[in-house]
Amino acid sequence: MSTVREEQCIQCGATFQVSLEEFIYKLDHGMKLPKRCKDCRRKNRETPDPYLGIRQVMRQYPSTKGPRHHVHGGVL
């Protein structure tokens, strides 16, 4: 595993290395390079999302994008 880039974590400030394999994978799949070190990424995945409940409730309602008569049932 060879190092391609050294980046600084935006969360904790530590320096971390981006491997060649990770660099190629991210570029091939159209993804951005990581901004956080692996420890901070793991911590963020483990913490619960405070907006999880409200997001589930909001999915029950139709979006207001698109023609208004389709959403509200009539032409306004």
N, C-alpha and C. Protein backbone atom coordinates (compact mmCIF):
# COMPACT_ATOMS: atom_id res chain seq x y z
N MET A 1 0.85 -1.18 0.00
CA MET A 1 0.00 0.00 0.00
C MET A 1 0.90 1.23 0.00
N SER A 2 0.79 2.02 -1.06
CA SER A 2 1.61 3.21 -1.15
C SER A 2 0.76 4.46 -0.90
N THR A 3 1.38 5.47 -0.37
CA THR A 3 0.70 6.71 -0.03
C THR A 3 0.72 7.64 -1.22
N VAL A 4 -0.43 8.18 -1.57
CA VAL A 4 -0.54 9.12 -2.68
C VAL A 4 -0.56 10.55 -2.15
N ARG A 5 -1.36 10.77 -1.11
CA ARG A 5 -1.51 12.13 -0.58
C ARG A 5 -1.53 12.09 0.94
N GLU A 6 -1.12 13.18 1.52
CA GLU A 6 -1.28 13.38 2.96
C GLU A 6 -2.24 14.54 3.13
N GLU A 7 -3.28 14.29 3.90
CA GLU A 7 -4.31 15.30 4.13
C GLU A 7 -4.40 15.59 5.62
N GLN A 8 -5.04 16.72 5.95
CA GLN A 8 -5.28 17.07 7.34
C GLN A 8 -6.76 16.93 7.62
N CYS A 9 -7.09 16.23 8.69
CA CYS A 9 -8.48 15.98 9.08
C CYS A 9 -9.14 17.30 9.47
N ILE A 10 -10.33 17.55 8.93
CA ILE A 10 -11.02 18.80 9.25
C ILE A 10 -11.71 18.74 10.60
N GLN A 11 -11.82 17.54 11.18
CA GLN A 11 -12.50 17.41 12.46
C GLN A 11 -11.53 17.45 13.63
N CYS A 12 -10.44 16.68 13.56
CA CYS A 12 -9.51 16.63 14.70
C CYS A 12 -8.17 17.29 14.40
N GLY A 13 -7.87 17.56 13.13
CA GLY A 13 -6.63 18.23 12.78
C GLY A 13 -5.44 17.32 12.58
N ALA A 14 -5.63 16.01 12.73
CA ALA A 14 -4.53 15.06 12.56
C ALA A 14 -4.22 14.88 11.07
N THR A 15 -2.99 14.53 10.79
CA THR A 15 -2.58 14.25 9.42
C THR A 15 -2.82 12.77 9.13
N PHE A 16 -3.45 12.49 7.99
CA PHE A 16 -3.69 11.10 7.59
C PHE A 16 -3.29 10.92 6.14
N GLN A 17 -3.09 9.67 5.76
CA GLN A 17 -2.61 9.35 4.43
C GLN A 17 -3.72 8.71 3.61
N VAL A 18 -3.79 9.09 2.32
CA VAL A 18 -4.72 8.48 1.39
C VAL A 18 -3.93 7.48 0.56
N SER A 19 -4.34 6.22 0.60
CA SER A 19 -3.61 5.17 -0.12
C SER A 19 -3.92 5.24 -1.62
N LEU A 20 -3.08 4.61 -2.40
CA LEU A 20 -3.26 4.57 -3.85
C LEU A 20 -4.57 3.86 -4.21
N GLU A 21 -4.87 2.76 -3.53
CA GLU A 21 -6.09 2.02 -3.81
C GLU A 21 -7.34 2.86 -3.53
N GLU A 22 -7.34 3.57 -2.39
CA GLU A 22 -8.48 4.41 -2.05
C GLU A 22 -8.60 5.57 -3.03
N PHE A 23 -7.48 6.15 -3.43
CA PHE A 23 -7.46 7.26 -4.37
C PHE A 23 -8.07 6.84 -5.71
N ILE A 24 -7.66 5.70 -6.23
CA ILE A 24 -8.16 5.21 -7.52
C ILE A 24 -9.63 4.86 -7.41
N TYR A 25 -10.04 4.20 -6.32
CA TYR A 25 -11.44 3.82 -6.13
C TYR A 25 -12.34 5.05 -6.11
N LYS A 26 -11.95 6.07 -5.37
CA LYS A 26 -12.77 7.28 -5.26
C LYS A 26 -12.88 7.97 -6.61
N LEU A 27 -11.79 8.08 -7.35
CA LEU A 27 -11.83 8.74 -8.64
C LEU A 27 -12.64 7.96 -9.66
N ASP A 28 -12.51 6.63 -9.66
CA ASP A 28 -13.26 5.80 -10.62
C ASP A 28 -14.77 5.87 -10.39
N HIS A 29 -15.19 6.03 -9.14
CA HIS A 29 -16.61 6.05 -8.81
C HIS A 29 -17.17 7.47 -8.67
N GLY A 30 -16.39 8.48 -9.04
CA GLY A 30 -16.87 9.85 -9.01
C GLY A 30 -17.05 10.42 -7.62
N MET A 31 -16.31 9.91 -6.65
CA MET A 31 -16.43 10.36 -5.27
C MET A 31 -15.33 11.37 -4.95
N LYS A 32 -15.56 12.15 -3.92
CA LYS A 32 -14.55 13.09 -3.45
C LYS A 32 -13.58 12.37 -2.52
N LEU A 33 -12.39 12.90 -2.40
CA LEU A 33 -11.41 12.34 -1.47
C LEU A 33 -11.85 12.64 -0.04
N PRO A 34 -11.48 11.78 0.91
CA PRO A 34 -11.93 11.98 2.30
C PRO A 34 -11.33 13.23 2.91
N LYS A 35 -12.12 13.87 3.76
CA LYS A 35 -11.68 15.07 4.48
C LYS A 35 -11.39 14.76 5.94
N ARG A 36 -11.81 13.56 6.39
CA ARG A 36 -11.62 13.17 7.78
C ARG A 36 -10.78 11.91 7.86
N CYS A 37 -10.06 11.76 8.96
CA CYS A 37 -9.25 10.56 9.16
C CYS A 37 -10.18 9.37 9.45
N LYS A 38 -9.61 8.18 9.41
CA LYS A 38 -10.43 6.97 9.60
C LYS A 38 -11.06 6.92 10.98
N ASP A 39 -10.36 7.40 12.00
CA ASP A 39 -10.92 7.40 13.35
C ASP A 39 -12.15 8.31 13.44
N CYS A 40 -12.06 9.50 12.86
CA CYS A 40 -13.19 10.43 12.90
C CYS A 40 -14.35 9.92 12.04
N ARG A 41 -14.06 9.28 10.91
CA ARG A 41 -15.12 8.70 10.09
C ARG A 41 -15.85 7.60 10.86
N ARG A 42 -15.09 6.77 11.60
CA ARG A 42 -15.70 5.70 12.38
C ARG A 42 -16.54 6.29 13.51
N LYS A 43 -16.05 7.33 14.19
CA LYS A 43 -16.82 7.96 15.26
C LYS A 43 -18.12 8.56 14.74
N ASN A 44 -18.08 9.18 13.56
CA ASN A 44 -19.28 9.79 12.99
C ASN A 44 -20.31 8.73 12.60
N ARG A 45 -19.86 7.57 12.15
CA ARG A 45 -20.80 6.50 11.81
C ARG A 45 -21.45 5.91 13.06
N GLU A 46 -20.73 5.90 14.17
CA GLU A 46 -21.25 5.30 15.40
C GLU A 46 -22.23 6.20 16.14
N THR A 47 -22.12 7.51 15.97
CA THR A 47 -23.02 8.42 16.68
C THR A 47 -24.38 8.42 15.99
N PRO A 48 -25.46 8.40 16.75
CA PRO A 48 -26.79 8.40 16.15
C PRO A 48 -27.12 9.75 15.50
N ASP A 49 -27.92 9.70 14.47
CA ASP A 49 -28.33 10.90 13.76
C ASP A 49 -29.45 11.59 14.54
N PRO A 50 -29.27 12.85 14.98
CA PRO A 50 -30.32 13.51 15.76
C PRO A 50 -31.56 13.84 14.93
N TYR A 51 -31.44 13.86 13.60
CA TYR A 51 -32.57 14.20 12.74
C TYR A 51 -33.26 12.97 12.16
N LEU A 52 -32.91 11.78 12.62
CA LEU A 52 -33.44 10.56 12.06
C LEU A 52 -34.96 10.49 12.19
N GLY A 53 -35.51 10.83 13.33
CA GLY A 53 -36.95 10.76 13.53
C GLY A 53 -37.71 11.73 12.65
N ILE A 54 -37.26 12.96 12.54
CA ILE A 54 -37.97 13.96 11.74
C ILE A 54 -37.86 13.62 10.26
N ARG A 55 -36.75 13.03 9.83
CA ARG A 55 -36.62 12.64 8.43
C ARG A 55 -37.60 11.54 8.07
N GLN A 56 -37.83 10.60 8.98
CA GLN A 56 -38.79 9.53 8.71
C GLN A 56 -40.21 10.09 8.64
N VAL A 57 -40.53 11.07 9.47
CA VAL A 57 -41.85 11.68 9.46
C VAL A 57 -42.04 12.48 8.17
N MET A 58 -41.03 13.22 7.75
CA MET A 58 -41.15 14.06 6.57
C MET A 58 -41.28 13.25 5.29
N ARG A 59 -40.80 12.02 5.28
CA ARG A 59 -40.95 11.18 4.08
C ARG A 59 -42.39 10.76 3.85
N GLN A 60 -43.24 10.90 4.84
CA GLN A 60 -44.63 10.50 4.71
C GLN A 60 -45.43 11.51 3.89
N TYR A 61 -44.95 12.75 3.79
CA TYR A 61 -45.68 13.80 3.11
C TYR A 61 -45.12 13.99 1.70
N PRO A 62 -45.98 14.35 0.74
CA PRO A 62 -45.48 14.56 -0.62
C PRO A 62 -44.64 15.82 -0.71
N SER A 63 -43.73 15.81 -1.63
CA SER A 63 -42.90 16.99 -1.82
C SER A 63 -43.72 18.06 -2.53
N THR A 64 -43.31 19.29 -2.40
CA THR A 64 -44.04 20.38 -3.04
C THR A 64 -43.40 20.79 -4.35
N LYS A 65 -42.46 20.00 -4.84
CA LYS A 65 -41.84 20.32 -6.12
C LYS A 65 -42.76 19.86 -7.24
N GLY A 66 -42.67 20.50 -8.35
CA GLY A 66 -43.49 20.12 -9.49
C GLY A 66 -44.73 20.98 -9.59
N PRO A 67 -45.61 20.62 -10.52
CA PRO A 67 -46.85 21.40 -10.70
C PRO A 67 -47.69 21.39 -9.43
N ARG A 68 -48.24 22.54 -9.09
CA ARG A 68 -48.99 22.67 -7.84
C ARG A 68 -50.27 21.87 -7.86
N HIS A 69 -50.93 21.71 -9.01
CA HIS A 69 -52.20 21.02 -9.03
C HIS A 69 -52.04 19.53 -8.74
N HIS A 70 -50.87 18.98 -8.97
CA HIS A 70 -50.65 17.58 -8.65
C HIS A 70 -50.48 17.38 -7.14
N VAL A 71 -49.95 18.37 -6.47
CA VAL A 71 -49.70 18.24 -5.05
C VAL A 71 -50.94 18.59 -4.23
N HIS A 72 -51.61 19.67 -4.60
CA HIS A 72 -52.69 20.19 -3.78
C HIS A 72 -54.08 19.73 -4.24
N GLY A 73 -54.17 19.01 -5.31
CA GLY A 73 -55.45 18.48 -5.75
C GLY A 73 -56.25 19.39 -6.65
N GLY A 74 -55.77 20.55 -6.97
CA GLY A 74 -56.49 21.46 -7.85
C GLY A 74 -55.60 22.57 -8.33
N VAL A 75 -56.04 23.28 -9.32
CA VAL A 75 -55.26 24.40 -9.85
C VAL A 75 -55.46 25.59 -8.95
N LEU A 76 -54.39 26.22 -8.55
CA LEU A 76 -54.47 27.38 -7.67
C LEU A 76 -54.29 28.66 -8.44
